[in-house]
Amino acid sequence: MTPTKLLIGQIAVVFAIVILGVWTSTQWCAHMLGYQSPLGVPWFVAAGWPIYKPWKLFEWCLHHLQSAAEGVRATLARLRSASSNKICTHRWKVPCKP
């Protein structure tokens, strides 16, 4: 295997981890907020669950979560940083500061 193919594979894995981490955080946030209408229209509905676009999380943080409970915001921050922390500890074998 050439070094270029290996590098591209690593980049794809890291990208997938980050996207899944953000998407998980988005879905968790929507669930904790009860899928309220101010969150907007879901991207699609799968098995009765509204699925939102991963980047909607950032819009919600800017506009809707200013008055959310501190526990929701703290847990959301941990979920967002979890995927990047996993990447750092796996890649460089040292703990990262969130």
C-alpha atoms as a PDB file:
ATOM      1  CA  MET A   1       0.000   0.000   0.000  1.00  0.00           C
ATOM      2  CA  THR A   2       1.398   3.368  -0.968  1.00  0.00           C
ATOM      3  CA  PRO A   3       1.772   6.094   1.658  1.00  0.00           C
ATOM      4  CA  THR A   4      -0.697   8.293  -0.226  1.00  0.00           C
ATOM      5  CA  LYS A   5      -3.458   5.672  -0.029  1.00  0.00           C
ATOM      6  CA  LEU A   6      -2.774   5.193   3.661  1.00  0.00           C
ATOM      7  CA  LEU A   7      -2.964   8.940   4.293  1.00  0.00           C
ATOM      8  CA  ILE A   8      -6.219   9.277   2.358  1.00  0.00           C
ATOM      9  CA  GLY A   9      -7.691   6.385   4.347  1.00  0.00           C
ATOM     10  CA  GLN A  10      -6.704   8.014   7.644  1.00  0.00           C
ATOM     11  CA  ILE A  11      -8.195  11.331   6.573  1.00  0.00           C
ATOM     12  CA  ALA A  12     -11.453   9.585   5.618  1.00  0.00           C
ATOM     13  CA  VAL A  13     -11.642   7.822   8.997  1.00  0.00           C
ATOM     14  CA  VAL A  14     -11.017  11.051  10.912  1.00  0.00           C
ATOM     15  CA  PHE A  15     -13.603  12.905   8.828  1.00  0.00           C
ATOM     16  CA  ALA A  16     -16.167  10.161   9.460  1.00  0.00           C
ATOM     17  CA  ILE A  17     -15.507  10.236  13.223  1.00  0.00           C
ATOM     18  CA  VAL A  18     -15.970  14.001  13.368  1.00  0.00           C
ATOM     19  CA  ILE A  19     -19.183  13.947  11.300  1.00  0.00           C
ATOM     20  CA  LEU A  20     -20.658  11.102  13.364  1.00  0.00           C
ATOM     21  CA  GLY A  21     -19.737  12.881  16.589  1.00  0.00           C
ATOM     22  CA  VAL A  22     -21.396  16.118  15.533  1.00  0.00           C
ATOM     23  CA  TRP A  23     -24.428  14.288  14.156  1.00  0.00           C
ATOM     24  CA  THR A  24     -24.823  12.318  17.381  1.00  0.00           C
ATOM     25  CA  SER A  25     -24.644  15.554  19.338  1.00  0.00           C
ATOM     26  CA  THR A  26     -27.270  17.121  17.079  1.00  0.00           C
ATOM     27  CA  GLN A  27     -29.672  14.233  17.514  1.00  0.00           C
ATOM     28  CA  TRP A  28     -29.112  14.107  21.270  1.00  0.00           C
ATOM     29  CA  CYS A  29     -29.750  17.837  21.571  1.00  0.00           C
ATOM     30  CA  ALA A  30     -32.961  17.576  19.541  1.00  0.00           C
ATOM     31  CA  HIS A  31     -34.113  14.694  21.714  1.00  0.00           C
ATOM     32  CA  MET A  32     -33.339  16.551  24.959  1.00  0.00           C
ATOM     33  CA  LEU A  33     -35.248  19.582  23.677  1.00  0.00           C
ATOM     34  CA  GLY A  34     -38.231  17.405  22.784  1.00  0.00           C
ATOM     35  CA  TYR A  35     -38.049  17.926  19.002  1.00  0.00           C
ATOM     36  CA  GLN A  36     -39.746  21.294  19.441  1.00  0.00           C
ATOM     37  CA  SER A  37     -40.879  23.261  16.395  1.00  0.00           C
ATOM     38  CA  PRO A  38     -38.326  26.106  16.913  1.00  0.00           C
ATOM     39  CA  LEU A  39     -35.617  23.570  16.002  1.00  0.00           C
ATOM     40  CA  GLY A  40     -36.914  23.668  12.461  1.00  0.00           C
ATOM     41  CA  VAL A  41     -38.043  21.058   9.988  1.00  0.00           C
ATOM     42  CA  PRO A  42     -36.141  17.767  10.159  1.00  0.00           C
ATOM     43  CA  TRP A  43     -34.056  16.697   7.194  1.00  0.00           C
ATOM     44  CA  PHE A  44     -36.001  13.421   7.004  1.00  0.00           C
ATOM     45  CA  VAL A  45     -37.888  11.030   9.272  1.00  0.00           C
ATOM     46  CA  ALA A  46     -36.581   7.486   9.784  1.00  0.00           C
ATOM     47  CA  ALA A  47     -38.688   4.943  11.667  1.00  0.00           C
ATOM     48  CA  GLY A  48     -40.696   7.752  13.233  1.00  0.00           C
ATOM     49  CA  TRP A  49     -37.626   9.670  14.469  1.00  0.00           C
ATOM     50  CA  PRO A  50     -36.920  13.120  13.011  1.00  0.00           C
ATOM     51  CA  ILE A  51     -33.347  13.280  11.709  1.00  0.00           C
ATOM     52  CA  TYR A  52     -31.708  16.708  11.531  1.00  0.00           C
ATOM     53  CA  LYS A  53     -28.719  17.800   9.475  1.00  0.00           C
ATOM     54  CA  PRO A  54     -25.497  17.558  11.530  1.00  0.00           C
ATOM     55  CA  TRP A  55     -24.640  21.252  11.222  1.00  0.00           C
ATOM     56  CA  LYS A  56     -28.020  22.354  12.652  1.00  0.00           C
ATOM     57  CA  LEU A  57     -26.433  21.907  16.076  1.00  0.00           C
ATOM     58  CA  PHE A  58     -24.307  25.015  15.601  1.00  0.00           C
ATOM     59  CA  GLU A  59     -27.338  27.080  14.563  1.00  0.00           C
ATOM     60  CA  TRP A  60     -29.210  25.885  17.643  1.00  0.00           C
ATOM     61  CA  CYS A  61     -26.293  26.733  19.898  1.00  0.00           C
ATOM     62  CA  LEU A  62     -26.210  30.273  18.560  1.00  0.00           C
ATOM     63  CA  HIS A  63     -29.939  30.945  18.613  1.00  0.00           C
ATOM     64  CA  HIS A  64     -31.840  28.557  20.870  1.00  0.00           C
ATOM     65  CA  LEU A  65     -29.559  27.215  23.583  1.00  0.00           C
ATOM     66  CA  GLN A  66     -28.746  30.525  25.231  1.00  0.00           C
ATOM     67  CA  SER A  67     -31.518  29.911  27.740  1.00  0.00           C
ATOM     68  CA  ALA A  68     -31.232  26.109  27.919  1.00  0.00           C
ATOM     69  CA  ALA A  69     -30.488  24.386  31.173  1.00  0.00           C
ATOM     70  CA  GLU A  70     -26.825  24.328  32.167  1.00  0.00           C
ATOM     71  CA  GLY A  71     -26.867  20.523  32.302  1.00  0.00           C
ATOM     72  CA  VAL A  72     -27.965  20.264  28.670  1.00  0.00           C
ATOM     73  CA  ARG A  73     -25.278  22.690  27.508  1.00  0.00           C
ATOM     74  CA  ALA A  74     -22.539  20.965  29.545  1.00  0.00           C
ATOM     75  CA  THR A  75     -23.426  17.507  28.242  1.00  0.00           C
ATOM     76  CA  LEU A  76     -23.646  18.834  24.704  1.00  0.00           C
ATOM     77  CA  ALA A  77     -20.163  20.335  25.011  1.00  0.00           C
ATOM     78  CA  ARG A  78     -18.813  16.981  26.196  1.00  0.00           C
ATOM     79  CA  LEU A  79     -20.441  15.160  23.281  1.00  0.00           C
ATOM     80  CA  ARG A  80     -19.063  17.635  20.749  1.00  0.00           C
ATOM     81  CA  SER A  81     -15.542  17.327  22.092  1.00  0.00           C
ATOM     82  CA  ALA A  82     -15.663  13.539  22.479  1.00  0.00           C
ATOM     83  CA  SER A  83     -15.021  12.804  18.816  1.00  0.00           C
ATOM     84  CA  SER A  84     -12.056  15.181  18.592  1.00  0.00           C
ATOM     85  CA  ASN A  85     -10.639  13.842  21.865  1.00  0.00           C
ATOM     86  CA  LYS A  86     -10.814  10.272  20.520  1.00  0.00           C
ATOM     87  CA  ILE A  87      -8.941  11.354  17.412  1.00  0.00           C
ATOM     88  CA  CYS A  88      -6.188  13.038  19.409  1.00  0.00           C
ATOM     89  CA  THR A  89      -5.691  10.191  21.851  1.00  0.00           C
ATOM     90  CA  HIS A  90      -5.697   7.586  19.080  1.00  0.00           C
ATOM     91  CA  ARG A  91      -3.402   9.467  16.742  1.00  0.00           C
ATOM     92  CA  TRP A  92      -0.847  10.913  19.134  1.00  0.00           C
ATOM     93  CA  LYS A  93      -1.345   8.652  22.177  1.00  0.00           C
ATOM     94  CA  VAL A  94      -1.658  11.599  24.523  1.00  0.00           C
ATOM     95  CA  PRO A  95      -4.765  12.988  26.193  1.00  0.00           C
ATOM     96  CA  CYS A  96      -6.136  16.162  24.630  1.00  0.00           C
ATOM     97  CA  LYS A  97      -7.639  19.015  26.562  1.00  0.00           C
ATOM     98  CA  PRO A  98     -11.230  19.698  25.402  1.00  0.00           C
END
